[in-house]
């Protein structure tokens, strides 16, 4: 198992860092949160108590997983991984959008086409929080 950090977002208010990473697990099943936590902690000299592994997403038949990790401790990482904060507020997801993406993709596309001025960023976030269907997310990004 190999962990490659893709981005790091500092959250000074909560005194934590949110890491998006890829975990390669050739020939093995999707690793557990504990395995990822232990490996990440060992590679970055961070106490396992301060590491929380969130969402793990592995596409069907893939040997690579997308992982969200939160670290409540300072650690060394490459500066180019740090995400710039642009000062804009995070995307707010209306309950209506959550309802739309909770159905089938076809039904969701039909309901979105009926909206006057849909916020595709909010719809994408709603889908990522819900079922996180990659084909639907790709479609929303193309709109």
Protein backbone atom coordinates (compact mmCIF):
# COMPACT_ATOMS: atom_id res chain seq x y z
CA UNK A 1 0.00 0.00 0.00
CA UNK A 2 1.33 3.41 -1.02
CA UNK A 3 -0.15 6.78 0.02
CA UNK A 4 0.37 9.80 -2.23
CA UNK A 5 -0.85 13.18 -0.95
CA UNK A 6 -2.59 15.25 -3.62
CA UNK A 7 -3.51 18.35 -1.63
CA UNK A 8 -3.40 19.78 1.87
CA UNK A 9 -5.82 22.39 3.18
CA UNK A 10 -4.93 24.19 6.40
CA UNK A 11 -7.75 24.97 8.82
CA UNK A 12 -6.20 27.17 11.54
CA UNK A 13 -9.51 27.73 13.32
CA UNK A 14 -9.86 24.01 14.01
CA UNK A 15 -6.07 23.50 14.21
CA UNK A 16 -6.11 20.74 11.62
CA UNK A 17 -5.10 19.89 8.10
CA UNK A 18 -7.37 18.17 5.56
CA UNK A 19 -5.46 15.95 3.17
CA UNK A 20 -6.76 14.47 -0.07
CA UNK A 21 -4.69 11.46 -1.04
CA UNK A 22 -4.55 8.48 -3.37
CA UNK A 23 -3.91 5.07 -1.88
CA UNK A 24 -2.56 2.44 -4.26
CA UNK A 25 -3.30 -1.12 -3.17
CA UNK A 26 -2.26 -3.32 -6.09
CA UNK A 27 -3.82 -6.76 -5.91
CA UNK A 28 -5.34 -6.14 -2.47
CA UNK A 29 -8.80 -5.13 -1.34
CA UNK A 30 -9.54 -1.57 -0.25
CA UNK A 31 -7.49 -0.95 2.90
CA UNK A 32 -9.23 -0.24 6.19
CA UNK A 33 -9.26 3.16 7.84
CA UNK A 34 -6.95 1.81 10.53
CA UNK A 35 -4.43 0.55 7.96
CA UNK A 36 -4.42 3.90 6.17
CA UNK A 37 -4.15 5.80 9.47
CA UNK A 38 -1.25 3.66 10.68
CA UNK A 39 0.62 3.93 7.37
CA UNK A 40 0.07 7.69 7.07
CA UNK A 41 1.16 8.20 10.68
CA UNK A 42 4.34 6.18 10.19
CA UNK A 43 5.28 7.90 6.91
CA UNK A 44 4.74 11.41 8.29
CA UNK A 45 5.86 11.00 11.93
CA UNK A 46 2.40 11.90 13.25
CA UNK A 47 0.75 10.37 16.31
CA UNK A 48 -2.05 7.98 15.25
CA UNK A 49 -4.31 9.60 17.87
CA UNK A 50 -4.21 12.81 15.79
CA UNK A 51 -5.14 11.22 12.45
CA UNK A 52 -8.72 10.63 11.32
CA UNK A 53 -9.44 8.86 8.03
CA UNK A 54 -12.75 9.95 6.54
CA UNK A 55 -14.18 8.93 3.21
CA UNK A 56 -12.52 6.15 1.22
CA UNK A 57 -13.72 5.84 -2.38
CA UNK A 58 -12.59 3.00 -4.63
CA UNK A 59 -13.99 2.76 -8.13
CA UNK A 60 -15.28 -0.61 -9.27
CA UNK A 61 -12.38 -2.90 -10.21
CA UNK A 62 -9.77 -0.29 -9.29
CA UNK A 63 -6.64 -0.69 -7.20
CA UNK A 64 -6.53 3.00 -6.30
CA UNK A 65 -8.68 4.74 -3.68
CA UNK A 66 -9.36 8.43 -3.06
CA UNK A 67 -9.08 9.17 0.66
CA UNK A 68 -9.86 12.15 2.90
CA UNK A 69 -7.62 12.42 5.97
CA UNK A 70 -7.75 14.94 8.80
CA UNK A 71 -4.63 15.57 10.88
CA UNK A 72 -4.84 17.46 14.19
CA UNK A 73 -1.10 18.02 14.42
CA UNK A 74 1.56 19.89 12.45
CA UNK A 75 3.64 17.81 10.06
CA UNK A 76 6.00 18.36 7.14
CA UNK A 77 4.65 18.26 3.58
CA UNK A 78 5.61 19.74 0.22
CA UNK A 79 4.49 23.34 -0.12
CA UNK A 80 3.07 22.77 -3.60
CA UNK A 81 0.42 20.48 -2.08
CA UNK A 82 -1.12 23.29 -0.04
CA UNK A 83 -4.41 24.57 -1.41
CA UNK A 84 -4.82 28.30 -1.63
CA UNK A 85 -7.83 29.69 0.16
CA UNK A 86 -9.48 32.31 -2.00
CA UNK A 87 -11.50 33.88 0.79
CA UNK A 88 -14.82 32.85 -0.73
CA UNK A 89 -17.40 31.11 1.37
CA UNK A 90 -17.83 27.37 0.91
CA UNK A 91 -20.57 26.23 -1.45
CA UNK A 92 -23.92 26.05 0.34
CA UNK A 93 -26.17 23.19 -0.71
CA UNK A 94 -29.92 23.88 -0.60
CA UNK A 95 -32.11 21.03 0.60
CA UNK A 96 -33.86 21.08 -2.78
CA UNK A 97 -30.57 20.08 -4.48
CA UNK A 98 -30.07 17.24 -2.00
CA UNK A 99 -33.54 15.96 -2.88
CA UNK A 100 -32.80 16.19 -6.61
CA UNK A 101 -29.59 14.13 -6.46
CA UNK A 102 -31.08 11.52 -4.13
CA UNK A 103 -33.00 9.89 -7.00
CA UNK A 104 -31.80 8.20 -10.15
CA UNK A 105 -29.40 9.98 -12.49
CA UNK A 106 -32.05 10.23 -15.20
CA UNK A 107 -34.60 11.76 -12.81
CA UNK A 108 -31.97 14.16 -11.45
CA UNK A 109 -30.97 15.32 -14.94
CA UNK A 110 -34.64 15.89 -15.81
CA UNK A 111 -35.24 17.93 -12.66
CA UNK A 112 -32.05 19.95 -13.21
CA UNK A 113 -33.10 20.77 -16.79
CA UNK A 114 -36.34 22.22 -15.37
CA UNK A 115 -34.48 24.57 -12.99
CA UNK A 116 -34.26 28.19 -14.12
CA UNK A 117 -30.63 28.88 -13.13
CA UNK A 118 -29.08 25.80 -11.48
CA UNK A 119 -25.95 26.14 -9.35
CA UNK A 120 -23.89 23.25 -10.71
CA UNK A 121 -21.22 23.62 -8.00
CA UNK A 122 -23.87 23.17 -5.30
CA UNK A 123 -25.40 20.23 -7.19
CA UNK A 124 -21.96 18.62 -7.50
CA UNK A 125 -21.31 19.07 -3.79
CA UNK A 126 -24.74 17.61 -2.97
CA UNK A 127 -23.95 14.56 -5.12
CA UNK A 128 -20.51 14.14 -3.52
CA UNK A 129 -22.12 14.22 -0.06
CA UNK A 130 -24.82 11.78 -1.16
CA UNK A 131 -24.05 8.90 -3.54
CA UNK A 132 -20.91 10.30 -5.20
CA UNK A 133 -21.64 8.71 -8.59
CA UNK A 134 -18.66 9.55 -10.78
CA UNK A 135 -20.58 9.55 -14.08
CA UNK A 136 -23.12 12.01 -12.67
CA UNK A 137 -20.38 14.21 -11.17
CA UNK A 138 -18.60 14.23 -14.54
CA UNK A 139 -21.84 15.29 -16.23
CA UNK A 140 -22.35 18.12 -13.70
CA UNK A 141 -18.77 19.34 -14.30
CA UNK A 142 -19.41 19.50 -18.05
CA UNK A 143 -22.48 21.73 -17.63
